[in-house]
Amino acid sequence: MSASDLAGLLGVVLILVAYALVQLRRLDATSLGGSAMNFAGSTLILLSLVRTFNLSAFIVEAAWALIALYGVVRRLRERSGK
């Protein structure tokens, strides 16, 4: 298994664990942790696409990463009072 395959698998695990925790009500979907897990997961999947590119997967993961990054930034600003 290549490093890019491993990165992609880890990314999938992060996103699925975040989703499962939200469904089990152990994680707030808008929390910093949830957004960070989704951002990290989608970024790792994007890295895996460097080796074997797929346009539709790239689009969905790039959008996922941008939305999750927005959530991370929003939470960090709320914490700092800005």
PDB file of N, CA and C in Angstrom:
ATOM      1  N   MET A   1       0.850  -1.180   0.000  1.00  0.00           N
ATOM      2  CA  MET A   1       0.000   0.000   0.000  1.00  0.00           C
ATOM      3  C   MET A   1       0.894   1.241   0.000  1.00  0.00           C
ATOM      4  N   SER A   2       0.580   2.165  -0.879  1.00  0.00           N
ATOM      5  CA  SER A   2       1.392   3.379  -0.994  1.00  0.00           C
ATOM      6  C   SER A   2       1.033   4.381   0.109  1.00  0.00           C
ATOM      7  N   ALA A   3       1.909   5.363   0.271  1.00  0.00           N
ATOM      8  CA  ALA A   3       1.665   6.413   1.268  1.00  0.00           C
ATOM      9  C   ALA A   3       0.394   7.198   0.940  1.00  0.00           C
ATOM     10  N   SER A   4       0.148   7.427  -0.349  1.00  0.00           N
ATOM     11  CA  SER A   4      -1.062   8.168  -0.714  1.00  0.00           C
ATOM     12  C   SER A   4      -2.322   7.342  -0.433  1.00  0.00           C
ATOM     13  N   ASP A   5      -2.252   6.047  -0.635  1.00  0.00           N
ATOM     14  CA  ASP A   5      -3.387   5.179  -0.294  1.00  0.00           C
ATOM     15  C   ASP A   5      -3.643   5.206   1.211  1.00  0.00           C
ATOM     16  N   LEU A   6      -2.582   5.152   1.979  1.00  0.00           N
ATOM     17  CA  LEU A   6      -2.697   5.185   3.437  1.00  0.00           C
ATOM     18  C   LEU A   6      -3.284   6.513   3.904  1.00  0.00           C
ATOM     19  N   ALA A   7      -2.848   7.615   3.306  1.00  0.00           N
ATOM     20  CA  ALA A   7      -3.392   8.931   3.651  1.00  0.00           C
ATOM     21  C   ALA A   7      -4.885   8.974   3.344  1.00  0.00           C
ATOM     22  N   GLY A   8      -5.273   8.468   2.193  1.00  0.00           N
ATOM     23  CA  GLY A   8      -6.684   8.451   1.818  1.00  0.00           C
ATOM     24  C   GLY A   8      -7.524   7.617   2.769  1.00  0.00           C
ATOM     25  N   LEU A   9      -7.016   6.458   3.149  1.00  0.00           N
ATOM     26  CA  LEU A   9      -7.750   5.605   4.082  1.00  0.00           C
ATOM     27  C   LEU A   9      -7.895   6.269   5.446  1.00  0.00           C
ATOM     28  N   LEU A  10      -6.835   6.900   5.925  1.00  0.00           N
ATOM     29  CA  LEU A  10      -6.902   7.612   7.201  1.00  0.00           C
ATOM     30  C   LEU A  10      -7.917   8.752   7.119  1.00  0.00           C
ATOM     31  N   GLY A  11      -7.935   9.438   5.985  1.00  0.00           N
ATOM     32  CA  GLY A  11      -8.912  10.509   5.789  1.00  0.00           C
ATOM     33  C   GLY A  11     -10.337   9.997   5.845  1.00  0.00           C
ATOM     34  N   VAL A  12     -10.594   8.885   5.191  1.00  0.00           N
ATOM     35  CA  VAL A  12     -11.925   8.284   5.209  1.00  0.00           C
ATOM     36  C   VAL A  12     -12.307   7.900   6.638  1.00  0.00           C
ATOM     37  N   VAL A  13     -11.382   7.311   7.364  1.00  0.00           N
ATOM     38  CA  VAL A  13     -11.658   6.921   8.753  1.00  0.00           C
ATOM     39  C   VAL A  13     -12.016   8.152   9.591  1.00  0.00           C
ATOM     40  N   LEU A  14     -11.258   9.228   9.453  1.00  0.00           N
ATOM     41  CA  LEU A  14     -11.549  10.440  10.223  1.00  0.00           C
ATOM     42  C   LEU A  14     -12.948  10.977   9.935  1.00  0.00           C
ATOM     43  N   ILE A  15     -13.310  11.052   8.665  1.00  0.00           N
ATOM     44  CA  ILE A  15     -14.627  11.568   8.301  1.00  0.00           C
ATOM     45  C   ILE A  15     -15.734  10.649   8.809  1.00  0.00           C
ATOM     46  N   LEU A  16     -15.551   9.351   8.665  1.00  0.00           N
ATOM     47  CA  LEU A  16     -16.575   8.409   9.126  1.00  0.00           C
ATOM     48  C   LEU A  16     -16.708   8.390  10.642  1.00  0.00           C
ATOM     49  N   VAL A  17     -15.591   8.489  11.350  1.00  0.00           N
ATOM     50  CA  VAL A  17     -15.649   8.537  12.813  1.00  0.00           C
ATOM     51  C   VAL A  17     -16.366   9.813  13.266  1.00  0.00           C
ATOM     52  N   ALA A  18     -16.053  10.943  12.646  1.00  0.00           N
ATOM     53  CA  ALA A  18     -16.733  12.192  12.991  1.00  0.00           C
ATOM     54  C   ALA A  18     -18.235  12.054  12.755  1.00  0.00           C
ATOM     55  N   TYR A  19     -18.608  11.492  11.624  1.00  0.00           N
ATOM     56  CA  TYR A  19     -20.027  11.328  11.302  1.00  0.00           C
ATOM     57  C   TYR A  19     -20.712  10.395  12.300  1.00  0.00           C
ATOM     58  N   ALA A  20     -20.066   9.285  12.623  1.00  0.00           N
ATOM     59  CA  ALA A  20     -20.631   8.339  13.589  1.00  0.00           C
ATOM     60  C   ALA A  20     -20.800   8.994  14.957  1.00  0.00           C
ATOM     61  N   LEU A  21     -19.800   9.756  15.389  1.00  0.00           N
ATOM     62  CA  LEU A  21     -19.888  10.429  16.694  1.00  0.00           C
ATOM     63  C   LEU A  21     -21.019  11.451  16.725  1.00  0.00           C
ATOM     64  N   VAL A  22     -21.247  12.139  15.629  1.00  0.00           N
ATOM     65  CA  VAL A  22     -22.371  13.078  15.550  1.00  0.00           C
ATOM     66  C   VAL A  22     -23.684  12.310  15.661  1.00  0.00           C
ATOM     67  N   GLN A  23     -23.812  11.216  14.926  1.00  0.00           N
ATOM     68  CA  GLN A  23     -25.043  10.438  14.957  1.00  0.00           C
ATOM     69  C   GLN A  23     -25.297   9.808  16.327  1.00  0.00           C
ATOM     70  N   LEU A  24     -24.219   9.470  17.031  1.00  0.00           N
ATOM     71  CA  LEU A  24     -24.335   8.893  18.378  1.00  0.00           C
ATOM     72  C   LEU A  24     -24.493   9.968  19.454  1.00  0.00           C
ATOM     73  N   ARG A  25     -24.519  11.215  19.021  1.00  0.00           N
ATOM     74  CA  ARG A  25     -24.650  12.384  19.914  1.00  0.00           C
ATOM     75  C   ARG A  25     -23.501  12.494  20.906  1.00  0.00           C
ATOM     76  N   ARG A  26     -22.327  12.111  20.455  1.00  0.00           N
ATOM     77  CA  ARG A  26     -21.122  12.253  21.270  1.00  0.00           C
ATOM     78  C   ARG A  26     -20.252  13.399  20.779  1.00  0.00           C
ATOM     79  N   LEU A  27     -20.665  14.014  19.671  1.00  0.00           N
ATOM     80  CA  LEU A  27     -19.918  15.115  19.081  1.00  0.00           C
ATOM     81  C   LEU A  27     -20.909  16.081  18.453  1.00  0.00           C
ATOM     82  N   ASP A  28     -20.740  17.364  18.762  1.00  0.00           N
ATOM     83  CA  ASP A  28     -21.569  18.395  18.133  1.00  0.00           C
ATOM     84  C   ASP A  28     -21.041  18.615  16.719  1.00  0.00           C
ATOM     85  N   ALA A  29     -21.935  18.559  15.756  1.00  0.00           N
ATOM     86  CA  ALA A  29     -21.531  18.682  14.351  1.00  0.00           C
ATOM     87  C   ALA A  29     -20.838  20.002  14.062  1.00  0.00           C
ATOM     88  N   THR A  30     -21.134  21.041  14.841  1.00  0.00           N
ATOM     89  CA  THR A  30     -20.530  22.354  14.605  1.00  0.00           C
ATOM     90  C   THR A  30     -19.371  22.644  15.559  1.00  0.00           C
ATOM     91  N   SER A  31     -18.947  21.645  16.301  1.00  0.00           N
ATOM     92  CA  SER A  31     -17.846  21.853  17.249  1.00  0.00           C
ATOM     93  C   SER A  31     -16.503  21.982  16.535  1.00  0.00           C
ATOM     94  N   LEU A  32     -15.538  22.528  17.236  1.00  0.00           N
ATOM     95  CA  LEU A  32     -14.192  22.638  16.681  1.00  0.00           C
ATOM     96  C   LEU A  32     -13.641  21.255  16.346  1.00  0.00           C
ATOM     97  N   GLY A  33     -13.848  20.304  17.233  1.00  0.00           N
ATOM     98  CA  GLY A  33     -13.354  18.945  16.998  1.00  0.00           C
ATOM     99  C   GLY A  33     -13.963  18.299  15.765  1.00  0.00           C
ATOM    100  N   GLY A  34     -15.263  18.450  15.607  1.00  0.00           N
ATOM    101  CA  GLY A  34     -15.935  17.872  14.442  1.00  0.00           C
ATOM    102  C   GLY A  34     -15.467  18.500  13.148  1.00  0.00           C
ATOM    103  N   SER A  35     -15.357  19.832  13.156  1.00  0.00           N
ATOM    104  CA  SER A  35     -14.893  20.523  11.944  1.00  0.00           C
ATOM    105  C   SER A  35     -13.443  20.172  11.644  1.00  0.00           C
ATOM    106  N   ALA A  36     -12.624  20.077  12.689  1.00  0.00           N
ATOM    107  CA  ALA A  36     -11.206  19.746  12.493  1.00  0.00           C
ATOM    108  C   ALA A  36     -11.037  18.332  11.945  1.00  0.00           C
ATOM    109  N   MET A  37     -11.834  17.397  12.455  1.00  0.00           N
ATOM    110  CA  MET A  37     -11.752  16.023  11.947  1.00  0.00           C
ATOM    111  C   MET A  37     -12.165  15.969  10.480  1.00  0.00           C
ATOM    112  N   ASN A  38     -13.211  16.691  10.123  1.00  0.00           N
ATOM    113  CA  ASN A  38     -13.653  16.715   8.732  1.00  0.00           C
ATOM    114  C   ASN A  38     -12.632  17.398   7.830  1.00  0.00           C
ATOM    115  N   PHE A  39     -12.024  18.484   8.307  1.00  0.00           N
ATOM    116  CA  PHE A  39     -11.004  19.165   7.509  1.00  0.00           C
ATOM    117  C   PHE A  39      -9.789  18.262   7.299  1.00  0.00           C
ATOM    118  N   ALA A  40      -9.323  17.646   8.380  1.00  0.00           N
ATOM    119  CA  ALA A  40      -8.160  16.761   8.264  1.00  0.00           C
ATOM    120  C   ALA A  40      -8.467  15.579   7.358  1.00  0.00           C
ATOM    121  N   GLY A  41      -9.636  14.991   7.514  1.00  0.00           N
ATOM    122  CA  GLY A  41     -10.006  13.842   6.697  1.00  0.00           C
ATOM    123  C   GLY A  41     -10.075  14.184   5.221  1.00  0.00           C
ATOM    124  N   SER A  42     -10.740  15.276   4.901  1.00  0.00           N
ATOM    125  CA  SER A  42     -10.867  15.639   3.492  1.00  0.00           C
ATOM    126  C   SER A  42      -9.524  16.048   2.895  1.00  0.00           C
ATOM    127  N   THR A  43      -8.679  16.685   3.695  1.00  0.00           N
ATOM    128  CA  THR A  43      -7.352  17.066   3.212  1.00  0.00           C
ATOM    129  C   THR A  43      -6.506  15.824   2.919  1.00  0.00           C
ATOM    130  N   LEU A  44      -6.596  14.824   3.773  1.00  0.00           N
ATOM    131  CA  LEU A  44      -5.857  13.580   3.530  1.00  0.00           C
ATOM    132  C   LEU A  44      -6.365  12.871   2.283  1.00  0.00           C
ATOM    133  N   ILE A  45      -7.672  12.893   2.073  1.00  0.00           N
ATOM    134  CA  ILE A  45      -8.210  12.286   0.854  1.00  0.00           C
ATOM    135  C   ILE A  45      -7.723  13.062  -0.366  1.00  0.00           C
ATOM    136  N   LEU A  46      -7.702  14.391  -0.279  1.00  0.00           N
ATOM    137  CA  LEU A  46      -7.164  15.191  -1.387  1.00  0.00           C
ATOM    138  C   LEU A  46      -5.713  14.826  -1.679  1.00  0.00           C
ATOM    139  N   LEU A  47      -4.925  14.620  -0.632  1.00  0.00           N
ATOM    140  CA  LEU A  47      -3.527  14.210  -0.831  1.00  0.00           C
ATOM    141  C   LEU A  47      -3.452  12.869  -1.565  1.00  0.00           C
ATOM    142  N   SER A  48      -4.371  11.980  -1.250  1.00  0.00           N
ATOM    143  CA  SER A  48      -4.340  10.666  -1.912  1.00  0.00           C
ATOM    144  C   SER A  48      -4.664  10.780  -3.396  1.00  0.00           C
ATOM    145  N   LEU A  49      -5.354  11.850  -3.777  1.00  0.00           N
ATOM    146  CA  LEU A  49      -5.720  12.030  -5.189  1.00  0.00           C
ATOM    147  C   LEU A  49      -4.552  12.521  -6.041  1.00  0.00           C
ATOM    148  N   VAL A  50      -3.461  12.898  -5.403  1.00  0.00           N
ATOM    149  CA  VAL A  50      -2.278  13.330  -6.162  1.00  0.00           C
ATOM    150  C   VAL A  50      -1.758  12.180  -7.014  1.00  0.00           C
ATOM    151  N   ARG A  51      -1.786  10.993  -6.456  1.00  0.00           N
ATOM    152  CA  ARG A  51      -1.260   9.819  -7.165  1.00  0.00           C
ATOM    153  C   ARG A  51      -2.207   9.353  -8.265  1.00  0.00           C
ATOM    154  N   THR A  52      -3.484   9.262  -7.937  1.00  0.00           N
ATOM    155  CA  THR A  52      -4.489   8.824  -8.896  1.00  0.00           C
ATOM    156  C   THR A  52      -5.626   9.839  -8.863  1.00  0.00           C
ATOM    157  N   PHE A  53      -5.589  10.776  -9.792  1.00  0.00           N
ATOM    158  CA  PHE A  53      -6.550  11.880  -9.779  1.00  0.00           C
ATOM    159  C   PHE A  53      -7.922  11.427 -10.258  1.00  0.00           C
ATOM    160  N   ASN A  54      -8.942  11.962  -9.594  1.00  0.00           N
ATOM    161  CA  ASN A  54     -10.335  11.726  -9.962  1.00  0.00           C
ATOM    162  C   ASN A  54     -11.054  13.054  -9.769  1.00  0.00           C
ATOM    163  N   LEU A  55     -11.544  13.650 -10.841  1.00  0.00           N
ATOM    164  CA  LEU A  55     -12.108  15.000 -10.773  1.00  0.00           C
ATOM    165  C   LEU A  55     -13.299  15.092  -9.837  1.00  0.00           C
ATOM    166  N   SER A  56     -14.229  14.178  -9.916  1.00  0.00           N
ATOM    167  CA  SER A  56     -15.414  14.271  -9.062  1.00  0.00           C
ATOM    168  C   SER A  56     -15.051  14.112  -7.590  1.00  0.00           C
ATOM    169  N   ALA A  57     -14.132  13.212  -7.275  1.00  0.00           N
ATOM    170  CA  ALA A  57     -13.679  13.057  -5.889  1.00  0.00           C
ATOM    171  C   ALA A  57     -12.950  14.318  -5.427  1.00  0.00           C
ATOM    172  N   PHE A  58     -12.155  14.903  -6.315  1.00  0.00           N
ATOM    173  CA  PHE A  58     -11.448  16.139  -5.973  1.00  0.00           C
ATOM    174  C   PHE A  58     -12.427  17.258  -5.643  1.00  0.00           C
ATOM    175  N   ILE A  59     -13.466  17.406  -6.448  1.00  0.00           N
ATOM    176  CA  ILE A  59     -14.435  18.482  -6.231  1.00  0.00           C
ATOM    177  C   ILE A  59     -15.150  18.313  -4.894  1.00  0.00           C
ATOM    178  N   VAL A  60     -15.630  17.110  -4.615  1.00  0.00           N
ATOM    179  CA  VAL A  60     -16.363  16.909  -3.369  1.00  0.00           C
ATOM    180  C   VAL A  60     -15.443  17.079  -2.156  1.00  0.00           C
ATOM    181  N   GLU A  61     -14.216  16.600  -2.229  1.00  0.00           N
ATOM    182  CA  GLU A  61     -13.309  16.717  -1.085  1.00  0.00           C
ATOM    183  C   GLU A  61     -12.802  18.143  -0.902  1.00  0.00           C
ATOM    184  N   ALA A  62     -12.583  18.861  -1.989  1.00  0.00           N
ATOM    185  CA  ALA A  62     -12.171  20.262  -1.875  1.00  0.00           C
ATOM    186  C   ALA A  62     -13.296  21.082  -1.242  1.00  0.00           C
ATOM    187  N   ALA A  63     -14.526  20.838  -1.668  1.00  0.00           N
ATOM    188  CA  ALA A  63     -15.667  21.544  -1.067  1.00  0.00           C
ATOM    189  C   ALA A  63     -15.804  21.176   0.406  1.00  0.00           C
ATOM    190  N   TRP A  64     -15.647  19.907   0.720  1.00  0.00           N
ATOM    191  CA  TRP A  64     -15.738  19.416   2.103  1.00  0.00           C
ATOM    192  C   TRP A  64     -14.673  20.103   2.955  1.00  0.00           C
ATOM    193  N   ALA A  65     -13.458  20.184   2.439  1.00  0.00           N
ATOM    194  CA  ALA A  65     -12.365  20.819   3.175  1.00  0.00           C
ATOM    195  C   ALA A  65     -12.639  22.302   3.401  1.00  0.00           C
ATOM    196  N   LEU A  66     -13.125  22.997   2.390  1.00  0.00           N
ATOM    197  CA  LEU A  66     -13.406  24.433   2.535  1.00  0.00           C
ATOM    198  C   LEU A  66     -14.524  24.694   3.537  1.00  0.00           C
ATOM    199  N   ILE A  67     -15.572  23.895   3.490  1.00  0.00           N
ATOM    200  CA  ILE A  67     -16.671  24.060   4.445  1.00  0.00           C
ATOM    201  C   ILE A  67     -16.194  23.765   5.864  1.00  0.00           C
ATOM    202  N   ALA A  68     -15.421  22.698   6.033  1.00  0.00           N
ATOM    203  CA  ALA A  68     -14.900  22.349   7.354  1.00  0.00           C
ATOM    204  C   ALA A  68     -13.929  23.413   7.857  1.00  0.00           C
ATOM    205  N   LEU A  69     -13.106  23.952   6.960  1.00  0.00           N
ATOM    206  CA  LEU A  69     -12.173  25.013   7.348  1.00  0.00           C
ATOM    207  C   LEU A  69     -12.937  26.246   7.827  1.00  0.00           C
ATOM    208  N   TYR A  70     -14.029  26.569   7.152  1.00  0.00           N
ATOM    209  CA  TYR A  70     -14.883  27.673   7.597  1.00  0.00           C
ATOM    210  C   TYR A  70     -15.355  27.419   9.035  1.00  0.00           C
ATOM    211  N   GLY A  71     -15.787  26.194   9.324  1.00  0.00           N
ATOM    212  CA  GLY A  71     -16.226  25.846  10.672  1.00  0.00           C
ATOM    213  C   GLY A  71     -15.119  25.971  11.697  1.00  0.00           C
ATOM    214  N   VAL A  72     -13.917  25.544  11.348  1.00  0.00           N
ATOM    215  CA  VAL A  72     -12.776  25.661  12.262  1.00  0.00           C
ATOM    216  C   VAL A  72     -12.488  27.128  12.558  1.00  0.00           C
ATOM    217  N   VAL A  73     -12.411  27.933  11.512  1.00  0.00           N
ATOM    218  CA  VAL A  73     -12.108  29.357  11.687  1.00  0.00           C
ATOM    219  C   VAL A  73     -13.195  30.041  12.509  1.00  0.00           C
ATOM    220  N   ARG A  74     -14.452  29.730  12.220  1.00  0.00           N
ATOM    221  CA  ARG A  74     -15.566  30.323  12.965  1.00  0.00           C
ATOM    222  C   ARG A  74     -15.480  29.990  14.446  1.00  0.00           C
ATOM    223  N   ARG A  75     -15.216  28.737  14.768  1.00  0.00           N
ATOM    224  CA  ARG A  75     -15.103  28.326  16.180  1.00  0.00           C
ATOM    225  C   ARG A  75     -13.914  29.001  16.868  1.00  0.00           C
ATOM    226  N   LEU A  76     -12.797  29.077  16.180  1.00  0.00           N
ATOM    227  CA  LEU A  76     -11.616  29.713  16.782  1.00  0.00           C
ATOM    228  C   LEU A  76     -11.872  31.201  17.031  1.00  0.00           C
ATOM    229  N   ARG A  77     -12.573  31.859  16.112  1.00  0.00           N
ATOM    230  CA  ARG A  77     -12.919  33.277  16.319  1.00  0.00           C
ATOM    231  C   ARG A  77     -13.876  33.442  17.480  1.00  0.00           C
ATOM    232  N   GLU A  78     -14.838  32.530  17.603  1.00  0.00           N
ATOM    233  CA  GLU A  78     -15.775  32.585  18.727  1.00  0.00           C
ATOM    234  C   GLU A  78     -15.049  32.408  20.052  1.00  0.00           C
ATOM    235  N   ARG A  79     -14.084  31.524  20.092  1.00  0.00           N
ATOM    236  CA  ARG A  79     -13.309  31.291  21.318  1.00  0.00           C
ATOM    237  C   ARG A  79     -12.479  32.509  21.711  1.00  0.00           C
ATOM    238  N   SER A  80     -11.958  33.196  20.710  1.00  0.00           N
ATOM    239  CA  SER A  80     -11.104  34.356  21.005  1.00  0.00           C
ATOM    240  C   SER A  80     -11.915  35.622  21.220  1.00  0.00           C
ATOM    241  N   GLY A  81     -13.233  35.542  20.998  1.00  0.00           N
ATOM    242  CA  GLY A  81     -14.094  36.688  21.226  1.00  0.00           C
ATOM    243  C   GLY A  81     -14.125  37.686  20.103  1.00  0.00           C
ATOM    244  N   LYS A  82     -13.666  37.318  18.925  1.00  0.00           N
ATOM    245  CA  LYS A  82     -13.649  38.245  17.785  1.00  0.00           C
ATOM    246  C   LYS A  82     -14.839  38.052  16.893  1.00  0.00           C
TER     247      LYS A  82
END
